[in-house]
Amino acid sequence: MTANASDSTTESGIDNDENGSDDDDEIPVWLVERTYSDDELNLIILVYATEDGRRYHRRERALTSFSGPARETSAGLVVSPADVGTVDDPDTRERYAEEASRMAERHDPNDSV
């Protein structure tokens, strides 16, 4: 899996990669999965995916970093193609597509979820 833990945010509130790629290169992704690691690191793993479920973006955050408005979890992000991986499993791809589409219909990208 390709992942990027970058949390840079533009003034509009939409997260972008640190490299400042052109708008044409950016990929919108939606939150599809939030899991807690079961190790001693107390990490929360956020997985965002494209609406077709074919690509994903993963972020890991320390559980303690979720306090305060600056650390809210956005419904959607805009990320660089370099920061997405391919979803190979057909069942996972279908699940991600369904959840990403549902999130896109119900939320603005900047909504806190």
PDB file of N, CA and C in Angstrom:
ATOM      1  N   MET A   1       0.831  -1.185   0.000  1.00  0.00           N
ATOM      2  CA  MET A   1       0.000   0.000   0.000  1.00  0.00           C
ATOM      3  C   MET A   1       0.872   1.244   0.000  1.00  0.00           C
ATOM      4  N   THR A   2       0.488   2.200  -0.792  1.00  0.00           N
ATOM      5  CA  THR A   2       1.168   3.485  -0.797  1.00  0.00           C
ATOM      6  C   THR A   2       0.452   4.383   0.197  1.00  0.00           C
ATOM      7  N   ALA A   3       1.175   5.046   1.039  1.00  0.00           N
ATOM      8  CA  ALA A   3       0.545   5.886   2.060  1.00  0.00           C
ATOM      9  C   ALA A   3       1.348   7.152   2.250  1.00  0.00           C
ATOM     10  N   ASN A   4       0.658   8.180   2.736  1.00  0.00           N
ATOM     11  CA  ASN A   4       1.309   9.429   3.063  1.00  0.00           C
ATOM     12  C   ASN A   4       0.647   9.975   4.297  1.00  0.00           C
ATOM     13  N   ALA A   5       1.421  10.267   5.307  1.00  0.00           N
ATOM     14  CA  ALA A   5       0.872  10.785   6.549  1.00  0.00           C
ATOM     15  C   ALA A   5       0.876  12.302   6.578  1.00  0.00           C
ATOM     16  N   SER A   6       1.079  12.945   5.450  1.00  0.00           N
ATOM     17  CA  SER A   6       1.086  14.398   5.373  1.00  0.00           C
ATOM     18  C   SER A   6      -0.272  14.951   5.758  1.00  0.00           C
ATOM     19  N   ASP A   7      -0.264  15.986   6.557  1.00  0.00           N
ATOM     20  CA  ASP A   7      -1.522  16.599   6.966  1.00  0.00           C
ATOM     21  C   ASP A   7      -1.552  18.082   6.631  1.00  0.00           C
ATOM     22  N   SER A   8      -0.934  18.489   5.530  1.00  0.00           N
ATOM     23  CA  SER A   8      -0.970  19.896   5.149  1.00  0.00           C
ATOM     24  C   SER A   8      -2.357  20.236   4.624  1.00  0.00           C
ATOM     25  N   THR A   9      -2.828  21.433   4.934  1.00  0.00           N
ATOM     26  CA  THR A   9      -4.170  21.843   4.561  1.00  0.00           C
ATOM     27  C   THR A   9      -4.119  23.207   3.907  1.00  0.00           C
ATOM     28  N   THR A  10      -4.863  23.390   2.817  1.00  0.00           N
ATOM     29  CA  THR A  10      -4.935  24.683   2.158  1.00  0.00           C
ATOM     30  C   THR A  10      -5.862  25.594   2.938  1.00  0.00           C
ATOM     31  N   GLU A  11      -5.881  26.871   2.567  1.00  0.00           N
ATOM     32  CA  GLU A  11      -6.763  27.820   3.239  1.00  0.00           C
ATOM     33  C   GLU A  11      -8.222  27.433   3.093  1.00  0.00           C
ATOM     34  N   SER A  12      -8.580  26.738   2.030  1.00  0.00           N
ATOM     35  CA  SER A  12      -9.965  26.330   1.829  1.00  0.00           C
ATOM     36  C   SER A  12     -10.350  25.186   2.746  1.00  0.00           C
ATOM     37  N   GLY A  13      -9.341  24.593   3.427  1.00  0.00           N
ATOM     38  CA  GLY A  13      -9.624  23.499   4.326  1.00  0.00           C
ATOM     39  C   GLY A  13      -9.490  22.140   3.674  1.00  0.00           C
ATOM     40  N   ILE A  14      -9.214  22.104   2.380  1.00  0.00           N
ATOM     41  CA  ILE A  14      -9.039  20.824   1.708  1.00  0.00           C
ATOM     42  C   ILE A  14      -7.577  20.450   1.795  1.00  0.00           C
ATOM     43  N   ASP A  15      -7.321  19.224   2.239  1.00  0.00           N
ATOM     44  CA  ASP A  15      -5.956  18.753   2.393  1.00  0.00           C
ATOM     45  C   ASP A  15      -5.330  18.498   1.036  1.00  0.00           C
ATOM     46  N   ASN A  16      -4.083  18.902   0.888  1.00  0.00           N
ATOM     47  CA  ASN A  16      -3.315  18.671  -0.326  1.00  0.00           C
ATOM     48  C   ASN A  16      -1.966  18.094   0.044  1.00  0.00           C
ATOM     49  N   ASP A  17      -1.286  17.549  -0.932  1.00  0.00           N
ATOM     50  CA  ASP A  17       0.048  17.035  -0.671  1.00  0.00           C
ATOM     51  C   ASP A  17       1.018  18.183  -0.458  1.00  0.00           C
ATOM     52  N   GLU A  18       2.164  17.893   0.117  1.00  0.00           N
ATOM     53  CA  GLU A  18       3.149  18.924   0.425  1.00  0.00           C
ATOM     54  C   GLU A  18       3.842  19.459  -0.814  1.00  0.00           C
ATOM     55  N   ASN A  19       3.773  18.755  -1.924  1.00  0.00           N
ATOM     56  CA  ASN A  19       4.496  19.152  -3.121  1.00  0.00           C
ATOM     57  C   ASN A  19       3.780  20.220  -3.931  1.00  0.00           C
ATOM     58  N   GLY A  20       2.551  20.570  -3.563  1.00  0.00           N
ATOM     59  CA  GLY A  20       1.831  21.618  -4.263  1.00  0.00           C
ATOM     60  C   GLY A  20       1.562  21.283  -5.706  1.00  0.00           C
ATOM     61  N   SER A  21       1.124  20.086  -5.985  1.00  0.00           N
ATOM     62  CA  SER A  21       0.882  19.678  -7.363  1.00  0.00           C
ATOM     63  C   SER A  21      -0.252  20.474  -7.979  1.00  0.00           C
ATOM     64  N   ASP A  22      -0.290  20.505  -9.311  1.00  0.00           N
ATOM     65  CA  ASP A  22      -1.327  21.221 -10.037  1.00  0.00           C
ATOM     66  C   ASP A  22      -2.688  20.615  -9.758  1.00  0.00           C
ATOM     67  N   ASP A  23      -3.742  21.450  -9.865  1.00  0.00           N
ATOM     68  CA  ASP A  23      -5.101  20.977  -9.628  1.00  0.00           C
ATOM     69  C   ASP A  23      -5.466  19.809 -10.530  1.00  0.00           C
ATOM     70  N   ASP A  24      -4.948  19.787 -11.773  1.00  0.00           N
ATOM     71  CA  ASP A  24      -5.264  18.706 -12.693  1.00  0.00           C
ATOM     72  C   ASP A  24      -4.734  17.370 -12.195  1.00  0.00           C
ATOM     73  N   ASP A  25      -3.690  17.388 -11.392  1.00  0.00           N
ATOM     74  CA  ASP A  25      -3.068  16.167 -10.900  1.00  0.00           C
ATOM     75  C   ASP A  25      -3.698  15.658  -9.610  1.00  0.00           C
ATOM     76  N   GLU A  26      -4.477  16.473  -8.949  1.00  0.00           N
ATOM     77  CA  GLU A  26      -5.017  16.106  -7.649  1.00  0.00           C
ATOM     78  C   GLU A  26      -6.190  15.144  -7.779  1.00  0.00           C
ATOM     79  N   ILE A  27      -6.284  14.239  -6.821  1.00  0.00           N
ATOM     80  CA  ILE A  27      -7.314  13.202  -6.836  1.00  0.00           C
ATOM     81  C   ILE A  27      -8.193  13.352  -5.605  1.00  0.00           C
ATOM     82  N   PRO A  28      -9.513  13.525  -5.781  1.00  0.00           N
ATOM     83  CA  PRO A  28     -10.397  13.569  -4.625  1.00  0.00           C
ATOM     84  C   PRO A  28     -10.619  12.161  -4.073  1.00  0.00           C
ATOM     85  N   VAL A  29     -10.514  12.044  -2.763  1.00  0.00           N
ATOM     86  CA  VAL A  29     -10.754  10.774  -2.079  1.00  0.00           C
ATOM     87  C   VAL A  29     -11.668  11.030  -0.890  1.00  0.00           C
ATOM     88  N   TRP A  30     -12.378   9.993  -0.471  1.00  0.00           N
ATOM     89  CA  TRP A  30     -13.375  10.092   0.602  1.00  0.00           C
ATOM     90  C   TRP A  30     -13.077   9.071   1.680  1.00  0.00           C
ATOM     91  N   LEU A  31     -13.361   9.424   2.933  1.00  0.00           N
ATOM     92  CA  LEU A  31     -13.115   8.527   4.051  1.00  0.00           C
ATOM     93  C   LEU A  31     -13.968   7.271   3.907  1.00  0.00           C
ATOM     94  N   VAL A  32     -13.322   6.118   3.918  1.00  0.00           N
ATOM     95  CA  VAL A  32     -14.038   4.853   3.762  1.00  0.00           C
ATOM     96  C   VAL A  32     -13.805   3.908   4.931  1.00  0.00           C
ATOM     97  N   GLU A  33     -12.789   4.181   5.730  1.00  0.00           N
ATOM     98  CA  GLU A  33     -12.462   3.257   6.812  1.00  0.00           C
ATOM     99  C   GLU A  33     -11.680   3.981   7.893  1.00  0.00           C
ATOM    100  N   ARG A  34     -12.054   3.695   9.139  1.00  0.00           N
ATOM    101  CA  ARG A  34     -11.327   4.243  10.287  1.00  0.00           C
ATOM    102  C   ARG A  34     -11.135   3.084  11.251  1.00  0.00           C
ATOM    103  N   THR A  35      -9.894   2.695  11.477  1.00  0.00           N
ATOM    104  CA  THR A  35      -9.617   1.570  12.359  1.00  0.00           C
ATOM    105  C   THR A  35      -8.602   1.971  13.409  1.00  0.00           C
ATOM    106  N   TYR A  36      -8.597   1.222  14.484  1.00  0.00           N
ATOM    107  CA  TYR A  36      -7.664   1.453  15.576  1.00  0.00           C
ATOM    108  C   TYR A  36      -6.643   0.324  15.573  1.00  0.00           C
ATOM    109  N   SER A  37      -5.381   0.684  15.639  1.00  0.00           N
ATOM    110  CA  SER A  37      -4.357  -0.356  15.670  1.00  0.00           C
ATOM    111  C   SER A  37      -4.440  -1.077  17.004  1.00  0.00           C
ATOM    112  N   ASP A  38      -4.129  -2.345  16.983  1.00  0.00           N
ATOM    113  CA  ASP A  38      -4.210  -3.126  18.219  1.00  0.00           C
ATOM    114  C   ASP A  38      -2.830  -3.375  18.812  1.00  0.00           C
ATOM    115  N   ASP A  39      -1.920  -2.456  18.517  1.00  0.00           N
ATOM    116  CA  ASP A  39      -0.610  -2.553  19.135  1.00  0.00           C
ATOM    117  C   ASP A  39      -0.455  -1.444  20.166  1.00  0.00           C
ATOM    118  N   GLU A  40       0.705  -1.338  20.742  1.00  0.00           N
ATOM    119  CA  GLU A  40       0.925  -0.365  21.818  1.00  0.00           C
ATOM    120  C   GLU A  40       1.057   1.068  21.325  1.00  0.00           C
ATOM    121  N   LEU A  41       1.044   1.287  20.002  1.00  0.00           N
ATOM    122  CA  LEU A  41       1.234   2.633  19.473  1.00  0.00           C
ATOM    123  C   LEU A  41      -0.020   3.499  19.536  1.00  0.00           C
ATOM    124  N   ASN A  42      -1.181   2.904  19.774  1.00  0.00           N
ATOM    125  CA  ASN A  42      -2.436   3.646  19.854  1.00  0.00           C
ATOM    126  C   ASN A  42      -2.657   4.527  18.629  1.00  0.00           C
ATOM    127  N   LEU A  43      -2.572   3.933  17.454  1.00  0.00           N
ATOM    128  CA  LEU A  43      -2.766   4.652  16.206  1.00  0.00           C
ATOM    129  C   LEU A  43      -4.184   4.492  15.686  1.00  0.00           C
ATOM    130  N   ILE A  44      -4.654   5.532  15.047  1.00  0.00           N
ATOM    131  CA  ILE A  44      -5.902   5.466  14.297  1.00  0.00           C
ATOM    132  C   ILE A  44      -5.503   5.497  12.835  1.00  0.00           C
ATOM    133  N   ILE A  45      -6.010   4.545  12.081  1.00  0.00           N
ATOM    134  CA  ILE A  45      -5.688   4.443  10.659  1.00  0.00           C
ATOM    135  C   ILE A  45      -6.894   4.912   9.867  1.00  0.00           C
ATOM    136  N   LEU A  46      -6.688   5.931   9.044  1.00  0.00           N
ATOM    137  CA  LEU A  46      -7.742   6.481   8.202  1.00  0.00           C
ATOM    138  C   LEU A  46      -7.457   6.074   6.764  1.00  0.00           C
ATOM    139  N   VAL A  47      -8.455   5.495   6.115  1.00  0.00           N
ATOM    140  CA  VAL A  47      -8.307   5.117   4.706  1.00  0.00           C
ATOM    141  C   VAL A  47      -9.323   5.914   3.906  1.00  0.00           C
ATOM    142  N   TYR A  48      -8.840   6.611   2.895  1.00  0.00           N
ATOM    143  CA  TYR A  48      -9.663   7.371   1.964  1.00  0.00           C
ATOM    144  C   TYR A  48      -9.581   6.671   0.613  1.00  0.00           C
ATOM    145  N   ALA A  49     -10.651   6.708  -0.168  1.00  0.00           N
ATOM    146  CA  ALA A  49     -10.637   6.054  -1.479  1.00  0.00           C
ATOM    147  C   ALA A  49     -11.370   6.907  -2.504  1.00  0.00           C
ATOM    148  N   THR A  50     -11.058   6.650  -3.764  1.00  0.00           N
ATOM    149  CA  THR A  50     -11.773   7.297  -4.860  1.00  0.00           C
ATOM    150  C   THR A  50     -13.167   6.686  -4.953  1.00  0.00           C
ATOM    151  N   GLU A  51     -14.070   7.393  -5.612  1.00  0.00           N
ATOM    152  CA  GLU A  51     -15.450   6.905  -5.700  1.00  0.00           C
ATOM    153  C   GLU A  51     -15.590   5.618  -6.500  1.00  0.00           C
ATOM    154  N   ASP A  52     -14.615   5.316  -7.337  1.00  0.00           N
ATOM    155  CA  ASP A  52     -14.673   4.041  -8.054  1.00  0.00           C
ATOM    156  C   ASP A  52     -14.024   2.910  -7.251  1.00  0.00           C
ATOM    157  N   GLY A  53     -13.426   3.235  -6.100  1.00  0.00           N
ATOM    158  CA  GLY A  53     -12.836   2.245  -5.221  1.00  0.00           C
ATOM    159  C   GLY A  53     -11.512   1.682  -5.694  1.00  0.00           C
ATOM    160  N   ARG A  54     -10.983   2.177  -6.786  1.00  0.00           N
ATOM    161  CA  ARG A  54      -9.770   1.609  -7.360  1.00  0.00           C
ATOM    162  C   ARG A  54      -8.478   2.137  -6.742  1.00  0.00           C
ATOM    163  N   ARG A  55      -8.537   3.313  -6.113  1.00  0.00           N
ATOM    164  CA  ARG A  55      -7.340   3.897  -5.505  1.00  0.00           C
ATOM    165  C   ARG A  55      -7.653   4.322  -4.078  1.00  0.00           C
ATOM    166  N   TYR A  56      -6.623   4.292  -3.233  1.00  0.00           N
ATOM    167  CA  TYR A  56      -6.812   4.653  -1.832  1.00  0.00           C
ATOM    168  C   TYR A  56      -5.634   5.482  -1.327  1.00  0.00           C
ATOM    169  N   HIS A  57      -5.886   6.167  -0.224  1.00  0.00           N
ATOM    170  CA  HIS A  57      -4.880   6.977   0.462  1.00  0.00           C
ATOM    171  C   HIS A  57      -4.999   6.642   1.944  1.00  0.00           C
ATOM    172  N   ARG A  58      -3.883   6.372   2.600  1.00  0.00           N
ATOM    173  CA  ARG A  58      -3.899   5.958   4.007  1.00  0.00           C
ATOM    174  C   ARG A  58      -3.140   6.966   4.854  1.00  0.00           C
ATOM    175  N   ARG A  59      -3.713   7.261   6.025  1.00  0.00           N
ATOM    176  CA  ARG A  59      -3.055   8.128   7.008  1.00  0.00           C
ATOM    177  C   ARG A  59      -3.099   7.449   8.359  1.00  0.00           C
ATOM    178  N   GLU A  60      -2.046   7.642   9.121  1.00  0.00           N
ATOM    179  CA  GLU A  60      -2.005   7.133  10.489  1.00  0.00           C
ATOM    180  C   GLU A  60      -1.838   8.320  11.420  1.00  0.00           C
ATOM    181  N   ARG A  61      -2.593   8.294  12.503  1.00  0.00           N
ATOM    182  CA  ARG A  61      -2.506   9.361  13.496  1.00  0.00           C
ATOM    183  C   ARG A  61      -2.459   8.753  14.885  1.00  0.00           C
ATOM    184  N   ALA A  62      -1.720   9.395  15.742  1.00  0.00           N
ATOM    185  CA  ALA A  62      -1.712   8.979  17.140  1.00  0.00           C
ATOM    186  C   ALA A  62      -3.058   9.336  17.748  1.00  0.00           C
ATOM    187  N   LEU A  63      -3.573   8.452  18.562  1.00  0.00           N
ATOM    188  CA  LEU A  63      -4.875   8.679  19.189  1.00  0.00           C
ATOM    189  C   LEU A  63      -4.891  10.010  19.935  1.00  0.00           C
ATOM    190  N   THR A  64      -3.796  10.380  20.545  1.00  0.00           N
ATOM    191  CA  THR A  64      -3.734  11.630  21.304  1.00  0.00           C
ATOM    192  C   THR A  64      -3.793  12.866  20.422  1.00  0.00           C
ATOM    193  N   SER A  65      -3.569  12.719  19.115  1.00  0.00           N
ATOM    194  CA  SER A  65      -3.579  13.878  18.220  1.00  0.00           C
ATOM    195  C   SER A  65      -4.985  14.248  17.762  1.00  0.00           C
ATOM    196  N   PHE A  66      -6.000  13.556  18.233  1.00  0.00           N
ATOM    197  CA  PHE A  66      -7.354  13.816  17.784  1.00  0.00           C
ATOM    198  C   PHE A  66      -8.092  14.831  18.641  1.00  0.00           C
ATOM    199  N   SER A  67      -7.387  15.561  19.476  1.00  0.00           N
ATOM    200  CA  SER A  67      -8.057  16.578  20.283  1.00  0.00           C
ATOM    201  C   SER A  67      -7.884  17.941  19.624  1.00  0.00           C
ATOM    202  N   GLY A  68      -8.907  18.748  19.714  1.00  0.00           N
ATOM    203  CA  GLY A  68      -8.860  20.094  19.162  1.00  0.00           C
ATOM    204  C   GLY A  68      -9.332  20.150  17.720  1.00  0.00           C
ATOM    205  N   PRO A  69      -9.812  21.318  17.279  1.00  0.00           N
ATOM    206  CA  PRO A  69     -10.374  21.461  15.942  1.00  0.00           C
ATOM    207  C   PRO A  69      -9.364  21.284  14.815  1.00  0.00           C
ATOM    208  N   ALA A  70      -8.090  21.498  15.077  1.00  0.00           N
ATOM    209  CA  ALA A  70      -7.083  21.368  14.023  1.00  0.00           C
ATOM    210  C   ALA A  70      -6.891  19.914  13.603  1.00  0.00           C
ATOM    211  N   ARG A  71      -7.340  18.977  14.394  1.00  0.00           N
ATOM    212  CA  ARG A  71      -7.130  17.569  14.102  1.00  0.00           C
ATOM    213  C   ARG A  71      -8.429  16.847  13.737  1.00  0.00           C
ATOM    214  N   GLU A  72      -9.422  17.585  13.299  1.00  0.00           N
ATOM    215  CA  GLU A  72     -10.673  16.956  12.893  1.00  0.00           C
ATOM    216  C   GLU A  72     -10.435  16.079  11.675  1.00  0.00           C
ATOM    217  N   THR A  73     -11.235  15.048  11.541  1.00  0.00           N
ATOM    218  CA  THR A  73     -11.135  14.155  10.389  1.00  0.00           C
ATOM    219  C   THR A  73     -12.101  14.633   9.320  1.00  0.00           C
ATOM    220  N   SER A  74     -11.576  14.963   8.157  1.00  0.00           N
ATOM    221  CA  SER A  74     -12.390  15.457   7.047  1.00  0.00           C
ATOM    222  C   SER A  74     -13.036  14.308   6.298  1.00  0.00           C
ATOM    223  N   ALA A  75     -14.234  14.565   5.788  1.00  0.00           N
ATOM    224  CA  ALA A  75     -14.930  13.561   4.986  1.00  0.00           C
ATOM    225  C   ALA A  75     -14.179  13.274   3.697  1.00  0.00           C
ATOM    226  N   GLY A  76     -13.539  14.285   3.136  1.00  0.00           N
ATOM    227  CA  GLY A  76     -12.820  14.102   1.886  1.00  0.00           C
ATOM    228  C   GLY A  76     -11.512  14.864   1.868  1.00  0.00           C
ATOM    229  N   LEU A  77     -10.620  14.423   1.030  1.00  0.00           N
ATOM    230  CA  LEU A  77      -9.324  15.068   0.832  1.00  0.00           C
ATOM    231  C   LEU A  77      -9.056  15.185  -0.661  1.00  0.00           C
ATOM    232  N   VAL A  78      -8.084  15.987  -1.001  1.00  0.00           N
ATOM    233  CA  VAL A  78      -7.566  16.037  -2.365  1.00  0.00           C
ATOM    234  C   VAL A  78      -6.086  15.736  -2.237  1.00  0.00           C
ATOM    235  N   VAL A  79      -5.638  14.663  -2.901  1.00  0.00           N
ATOM    236  CA  VAL A  79      -4.256  14.210  -2.736  1.00  0.00           C
ATOM    237  C   VAL A  79      -3.566  14.061  -4.083  1.00  0.00           C
ATOM    238  N   SER A  80      -2.261  14.036  -4.036  1.00  0.00           N
ATOM    239  CA  SER A  80      -1.439  13.852  -5.222  1.00  0.00           C
ATOM    240  C   SER A  80      -1.509  12.404  -5.699  1.00  0.00           C
ATOM    241  N   PRO A  81      -1.402  12.162  -6.991  1.00  0.00           N
ATOM    242  CA  PRO A  81      -1.364  10.778  -7.491  1.00  0.00           C
ATOM    243  C   PRO A  81      -0.233   9.966  -6.863  1.00  0.00           C
ATOM    244  N   ALA A  82       0.835  10.622  -6.468  1.00  0.00           N
ATOM    245  CA  ALA A  82       1.947   9.918  -5.828  1.00  0.00           C
ATOM    246  C   ALA A  82       1.579   9.388  -4.446  1.00  0.00           C
ATOM    247  N   ASP A  83       0.480   9.901  -3.890  1.00  0.00           N
ATOM    248  CA  ASP A  83       0.079   9.536  -2.538  1.00  0.00           C
ATOM    249  C   ASP A  83      -1.087   8.558  -2.496  1.00  0.00           C
ATOM    250  N   VAL A  84      -1.378   7.911  -3.611  1.00  0.00           N
ATOM    251  CA  VAL A  84      -2.449   6.911  -3.630  1.00  0.00           C
ATOM    252  C   VAL A  84      -1.887   5.568  -4.067  1.00  0.00           C
ATOM    253  N   GLY A  85      -2.526   4.528  -3.581  1.00  0.00           N
ATOM    254  CA  GLY A  85      -2.171   3.169  -3.978  1.00  0.00           C
ATOM    255  C   GLY A  85      -3.333   2.546  -4.720  1.00  0.00           C
ATOM    256  N   THR A  86      -3.104   1.390  -5.274  1.00  0.00           N
ATOM    257  CA  THR A  86      -4.122   0.670  -6.031  1.00  0.00           C
ATOM    258  C   THR A  86      -4.776  -0.380  -5.145  1.00  0.00           C
ATOM    259  N   VAL A  87      -6.088  -0.481  -5.234  1.00  0.00           N
ATOM    260  CA  VAL A  87      -6.835  -1.506  -4.507  1.00  0.00           C
ATOM    261  C   VAL A  87      -6.967  -2.708  -5.433  1.00  0.00           C
ATOM    262  N   ASP A  88      -6.298  -3.787  -5.086  1.00  0.00           N
ATOM    263  CA  ASP A  88      -6.284  -4.966  -5.949  1.00  0.00           C
ATOM    264  C   ASP A  88      -7.428  -5.938  -5.679  1.00  0.00           C
ATOM    265  N   ASP A  89      -7.845  -6.051  -4.433  1.00  0.00           N
ATOM    266  CA  ASP A  89      -8.892  -7.001  -4.078  1.00  0.00           C
ATOM    267  C   ASP A  89     -10.255  -6.516  -4.562  1.00  0.00           C
ATOM    268  N   PRO A  90     -10.978  -7.303  -5.361  1.00  0.00           N
ATOM    269  CA  PRO A  90     -12.275  -6.874  -5.901  1.00  0.00           C
ATOM    270  C   PRO A  90     -13.324  -6.577  -4.824  1.00  0.00           C
ATOM    271  N   ASP A  91     -13.344  -7.361  -3.751  1.00  0.00           N
ATOM    272  CA  ASP A  91     -14.319  -7.120  -2.681  1.00  0.00           C
ATOM    273  C   ASP A  91     -14.032  -5.807  -1.952  1.00  0.00           C
ATOM    274  N   THR A  92     -12.764  -5.563  -1.679  1.00  0.00           N
ATOM    275  CA  THR A  92     -12.374  -4.305  -1.036  1.00  0.00           C
ATOM    276  C   THR A  92     -12.664  -3.137  -1.957  1.00  0.00           C
ATOM    277  N   ARG A  93     -12.374  -3.279  -3.234  1.00  0.00           N
ATOM    278  CA  ARG A  93     -12.638  -2.226  -4.211  1.00  0.00           C
ATOM    279  C   ARG A  93     -14.131  -1.876  -4.228  1.00  0.00           C
ATOM    280  N   GLU A  94     -14.977  -2.889  -4.224  1.00  0.00           N
ATOM    281  CA  GLU A  94     -16.420  -2.656  -4.233  1.00  0.00           C
ATOM    282  C   GLU A  94     -16.878  -1.971  -2.951  1.00  0.00           C
ATOM    283  N   ARG A  95     -16.355  -2.425  -1.811  1.00  0.00           N
ATOM    284  CA  ARG A  95     -16.721  -1.818  -0.523  1.00  0.00           C
ATOM    285  C   ARG A  95     -16.264  -0.369  -0.466  1.00  0.00           C
ATOM    286  N   TYR A  96     -15.039  -0.096  -0.915  1.00  0.00           N
ATOM    287  CA  TYR A  96     -14.533   1.276  -0.926  1.00  0.00           C
ATOM    288  C   TYR A  96     -15.359   2.157  -1.853  1.00  0.00           C
ATOM    289  N   ALA A  97     -15.734   1.640  -3.016  1.00  0.00           N
ATOM    290  CA  ALA A  97     -16.534   2.420  -3.968  1.00  0.00           C
ATOM    291  C   ALA A  97     -17.884   2.779  -3.368  1.00  0.00           C
ATOM    292  N   GLU A  98     -18.527   1.825  -2.729  1.00  0.00           N
ATOM    293  CA  GLU A  98     -19.834   2.088  -2.106  1.00  0.00           C
ATOM    294  C   GLU A  98     -19.721   3.131  -1.009  1.00  0.00           C
ATOM    295  N   GLU A  99     -18.724   2.983  -0.136  1.00  0.00           N
ATOM    296  CA  GLU A  99     -18.582   3.917   0.979  1.00  0.00           C
ATOM    297  C   GLU A  99     -18.143   5.304   0.510  1.00  0.00           C
ATOM    298  N   ALA A 100     -17.224   5.368  -0.440  1.00  0.00           N
ATOM    299  CA  ALA A 100     -16.773   6.665  -0.951  1.00  0.00           C
ATOM    300  C   ALA A 100     -17.920   7.396  -1.636  1.00  0.00           C
ATOM    301  N   SER A 101     -18.724   6.688  -2.398  1.00  0.00           N
ATOM    302  CA  SER A 101     -19.878   7.301  -3.065  1.00  0.00           C
ATOM    303  C   SER A 101     -20.892   7.799  -2.046  1.00  0.00           C
ATOM    304  N   ARG A 102     -21.117   7.003  -1.001  1.00  0.00           N
ATOM    305  CA  ARG A 102     -22.058   7.400   0.060  1.00  0.00           C
ATOM    306  C   ARG A 102     -21.557   8.663   0.768  1.00  0.00           C
ATOM    307  N   MET A 103     -20.273   8.708   1.076  1.00  0.00           N
ATOM    308  CA  MET A 103     -19.710   9.884   1.745  1.00  0.00           C
ATOM    309  C   MET A 103     -19.807  11.114   0.845  1.00  0.00           C
ATOM    310  N   ALA A 104     -19.529  10.951  -0.438  1.00  0.00           N
ATOM    311  CA  ALA A 104     -19.584  12.071  -1.387  1.00  0.00           C
ATOM    312  C   ALA A 104     -20.998  12.614  -1.512  1.00  0.00           C
ATOM    313  N   GLU A 105     -21.998  11.738  -1.439  1.00  0.00           N
ATOM    314  CA  GLU A 105     -23.395  12.173  -1.539  1.00  0.00           C
ATOM    315  C   GLU A 105     -23.858  12.895  -0.284  1.00  0.00           C
ATOM    316  N   ARG A 106     -23.376  12.489   0.863  1.00  0.00           N
ATOM    317  CA  ARG A 106     -23.872  13.006   2.142  1.00  0.00           C
ATOM    318  C   ARG A 106     -23.056  14.146   2.734  1.00  0.00           C
ATOM    319  N   HIS A 107     -21.813  14.312   2.282  1.00  0.00           N
ATOM    320  CA  HIS A 107     -20.915  15.279   2.923  1.00  0.00           C
ATOM    321  C   HIS A 107     -20.193  16.142   1.908  1.00  0.00           C
ATOM    322  N   ASP A 108     -19.834  17.339   2.348  1.00  0.00           N
ATOM    323  CA  ASP A 108     -18.868  18.158   1.645  1.00  0.00           C
ATOM    324  C   ASP A 108     -17.507  17.656   2.077  1.00  0.00           C
ATOM    325  N   PRO A 109     -16.479  17.828   1.230  1.00  0.00           N
ATOM    326  CA  PRO A 109     -15.153  17.332   1.618  1.00  0.00           C
ATOM    327  C   PRO A 109     -14.649  17.882   2.942  1.00  0.00           C
ATOM    328  N   ASN A 110     -15.003  19.114   3.264  1.00  0.00           N
ATOM    329  CA  ASN A 110     -14.516  19.729   4.491  1.00  0.00           C
ATOM    330  C   ASN A 110     -15.314  19.376   5.736  1.00  0.00           C
ATOM    331  N   ASP A 111     -16.401  18.622   5.583  1.00  0.00           N
ATOM    332  CA  ASP A 111     -17.185  18.222   6.753  1.00  0.00           C
ATOM    333  C   ASP A 111     -16.334  17.391   7.705  1.00  0.00           C
ATOM    334  N   SER A 112     -16.505  17.624   8.975  1.00  0.00           N
ATOM    335  CA  SER A 112     -15.825  16.834   9.994  1.00  0.00           C
ATOM    336  C   SER A 112     -16.677  15.595  10.269  1.00  0.00           C
ATOM    337  N   VAL A 113     -16.045  14.449  10.221  1.00  0.00           N
ATOM    338  CA  VAL A 113     -16.780  13.195  10.458  1.00  0.00           C
ATOM    339  C   VAL A 113     -16.119  12.381  11.556  1.00  0.00           C
TER     340      VAL A 113
END
